[in-house]
């Protein structure tokens, strides 16, 4: 599971230009210096820390949005259960794939 997270992060960084990707990864403190209370990210606080140049970078903004969405989904489904709407959508996809296979 951890490998999938790392690959997802690397894919997100690929859409950024090199300087924006470096800014994204260097903005975080090293894991050894993070206390337990600080482990939950505050995305609004991170956005306040960006400079004007980073605000103009569309790729960096999309990467940050993707990271925020990934975190929200991961936390929302941490117990392993799916919400009703997501379960219905998965069922619809499975039915559509089954019809195409026939």
Foldseek 3Di string as FASTA:
>chain_A
DVVVVVVVLVVLLVLFDVVLSCCVVVVDDDPVPADPVPPDDDLVVVVVPDDPVNVPGPSSVVSSVVVVVVVVVCVVCVVVDDDPVVVVVVVVVVVVVVVVVD
